[in-house]
Amino acid sequence: MDTERPAEPQYRVVVGSFGDADHGYRLVWLRGIGWEPLTEEELEPRLREVFPDIDLADPAQVHWVDEQETWPAAPHPDDEG
């Protein structure tokens, strides 16, 4: 059985999707840490915590897997049952 760990992406950060639901989160992969669900407001502070010198506008450092810098809508409190 092959137990080698797959190679990590070349990017420091990969911003992925978190399904189609309107929940306001994306799954974000951080090199050396793994995947974390983050909101748009949490993204930059978390990235700067892990990578203080990161250039968020550099596509060689931050890779968006789909529509760059768009976020699913967060549910409104009035929408909850």
C-alpha atoms as a PDB file:
ATOM      1  CA  MET A   1       0.000   0.000   0.000  1.00  0.00           C
ATOM      2  CA  ASP A   2       1.293   3.449  -0.953  1.00  0.00           C
ATOM      3  CA  THR A   3       1.361   5.661   2.132  1.00  0.00           C
ATOM      4  CA  GLU A   4       3.269   8.609   0.678  1.00  0.00           C
ATOM      5  CA  ARG A   5       1.760  11.971   1.428  1.00  0.00           C
ATOM      6  CA  PRO A   6       0.678  13.793  -1.738  1.00  0.00           C
ATOM      7  CA  ALA A   7       2.685  16.834  -2.742  1.00  0.00           C
ATOM      8  CA  GLU A   8       1.436  20.108  -1.345  1.00  0.00           C
ATOM      9  CA  PRO A   9       0.294  22.794  -3.780  1.00  0.00           C
ATOM     10  CA  GLN A  10       2.931  25.277  -4.880  1.00  0.00           C
ATOM     11  CA  TYR A  11       0.911  28.116  -3.355  1.00  0.00           C
ATOM     12  CA  ARG A  12       1.097  29.340   0.211  1.00  0.00           C
ATOM     13  CA  VAL A  13      -2.689  29.657   0.262  1.00  0.00           C
ATOM     14  CA  VAL A  14      -5.487  28.033  -1.739  1.00  0.00           C
ATOM     15  CA  VAL A  15      -8.951  29.568  -1.444  1.00  0.00           C
ATOM     16  CA  GLY A  16     -11.493  26.895  -2.321  1.00  0.00           C
ATOM     17  CA  SER A  17     -15.242  26.577  -2.212  1.00  0.00           C
ATOM     18  CA  PHE A  18     -17.330  25.295   0.662  1.00  0.00           C
ATOM     19  CA  GLY A  19     -20.279  24.010  -1.302  1.00  0.00           C
ATOM     20  CA  ASP A  20     -23.119  25.911  -2.911  1.00  0.00           C
ATOM     21  CA  ALA A  21     -24.993  26.935   0.219  1.00  0.00           C
ATOM     22  CA  ASP A  22     -25.211  30.563   1.305  1.00  0.00           C
ATOM     23  CA  HIS A  23     -23.241  30.382   4.524  1.00  0.00           C
ATOM     24  CA  GLY A  24     -20.524  33.005   4.025  1.00  0.00           C
ATOM     25  CA  TYR A  25     -17.581  30.577   4.254  1.00  0.00           C
ATOM     26  CA  ARG A  26     -14.846  29.284   1.973  1.00  0.00           C
ATOM     27  CA  LEU A  27     -12.408  26.483   2.715  1.00  0.00           C
ATOM     28  CA  VAL A  28      -8.904  27.916   2.797  1.00  0.00           C
ATOM     29  CA  TRP A  29      -5.778  25.766   2.656  1.00  0.00           C
ATOM     30  CA  LEU A  30      -2.732  27.161   4.472  1.00  0.00           C
ATOM     31  CA  ARG A  31       0.664  25.639   3.699  1.00  0.00           C
ATOM     32  CA  GLY A  32       1.930  23.738   6.703  1.00  0.00           C
ATOM     33  CA  ILE A  33      -1.431  23.858   8.482  1.00  0.00           C
ATOM     34  CA  GLY A  34      -4.194  22.461   6.274  1.00  0.00           C
ATOM     35  CA  TRP A  35      -7.782  23.429   5.505  1.00  0.00           C
ATOM     36  CA  GLU A  36      -9.801  25.927   7.559  1.00  0.00           C
ATOM     37  CA  PRO A  37     -13.288  27.344   6.987  1.00  0.00           C
ATOM     38  CA  LEU A  38     -13.020  31.140   6.938  1.00  0.00           C
ATOM     39  CA  THR A  39     -15.347  34.055   6.280  1.00  0.00           C
ATOM     40  CA  GLU A  40     -14.321  36.975   4.093  1.00  0.00           C
ATOM     41  CA  GLU A  41     -13.670  39.060   7.220  1.00  0.00           C
ATOM     42  CA  GLU A  42     -11.475  36.340   8.766  1.00  0.00           C
ATOM     43  CA  LEU A  43      -9.345  35.688   5.671  1.00  0.00           C
ATOM     44  CA  GLU A  44      -6.806  38.525   5.695  1.00  0.00           C
ATOM     45  CA  PRO A  45      -6.167  38.540   9.479  1.00  0.00           C
ATOM     46  CA  ARG A  46      -5.651  34.745   9.454  1.00  0.00           C
ATOM     47  CA  LEU A  47      -3.323  34.857   6.442  1.00  0.00           C
ATOM     48  CA  ARG A  48      -1.264  37.642   8.012  1.00  0.00           C
ATOM     49  CA  GLU A  49      -1.100  35.657  11.266  1.00  0.00           C
ATOM     50  CA  VAL A  50       0.353  32.628   9.465  1.00  0.00           C
ATOM     51  CA  PHE A  51       2.305  34.443   6.718  1.00  0.00           C
ATOM     52  CA  PRO A  52       3.076  38.018   7.898  1.00  0.00           C
ATOM     53  CA  ASP A  53       4.875  38.895   4.653  1.00  0.00           C
ATOM     54  CA  ILE A  54       2.292  37.461   2.222  1.00  0.00           C
ATOM     55  CA  ASP A  55       1.259  39.495  -0.812  1.00  0.00           C
ATOM     56  CA  LEU A  56      -2.469  38.827  -1.068  1.00  0.00           C
ATOM     57  CA  ALA A  57      -2.559  40.149  -4.641  1.00  0.00           C
ATOM     58  CA  ASP A  58       0.186  37.767  -5.851  1.00  0.00           C
ATOM     59  CA  PRO A  59      -1.402  34.794  -7.662  1.00  0.00           C
ATOM     60  CA  ALA A  60       1.809  32.810  -7.123  1.00  0.00           C
ATOM     61  CA  GLN A  61       1.152  32.987  -3.362  1.00  0.00           C
ATOM     62  CA  VAL A  62      -2.663  32.997  -3.129  1.00  0.00           C
ATOM     63  CA  HIS A  63      -4.590  30.755  -5.520  1.00  0.00           C
ATOM     64  CA  TRP A  64      -8.371  31.039  -5.927  1.00  0.00           C
ATOM     65  CA  VAL A  65      -9.883  27.855  -7.360  1.00  0.00           C
ATOM     66  CA  ASP A  66     -12.874  29.640  -8.863  1.00  0.00           C
ATOM     67  CA  GLU A  67     -14.157  33.221  -8.989  1.00  0.00           C
ATOM     68  CA  GLN A  68     -11.438  35.268  -7.349  1.00  0.00           C
ATOM     69  CA  GLU A  69     -12.465  37.284  -4.344  1.00  0.00           C
ATOM     70  CA  THR A  70     -16.142  36.381  -4.417  1.00  0.00           C
ATOM     71  CA  TRP A  71     -17.805  34.898  -1.362  1.00  0.00           C
ATOM     72  CA  PRO A  72     -21.061  33.042  -0.852  1.00  0.00           C
ATOM     73  CA  ALA A  73     -23.689  35.208   0.761  1.00  0.00           C
ATOM     74  CA  ALA A  74     -23.942  34.908   4.512  1.00  0.00           C
ATOM     75  CA  PRO A  75     -27.423  34.076   5.796  1.00  0.00           C
ATOM     76  CA  HIS A  76     -29.364  36.952   7.251  1.00  0.00           C
ATOM     77  CA  PRO A  77     -30.710  36.476  10.799  1.00  0.00           C
ATOM     78  CA  ASP A  78     -34.241  37.158   9.470  1.00  0.00           C
ATOM     79  CA  ASP A  79     -33.895  34.159   7.108  1.00  0.00           C
ATOM     80  CA  GLU A  80     -33.485  31.634   9.927  1.00  0.00           C
ATOM     81  CA  GLY A  81     -36.511  29.557  10.897  1.00  0.00           C
END
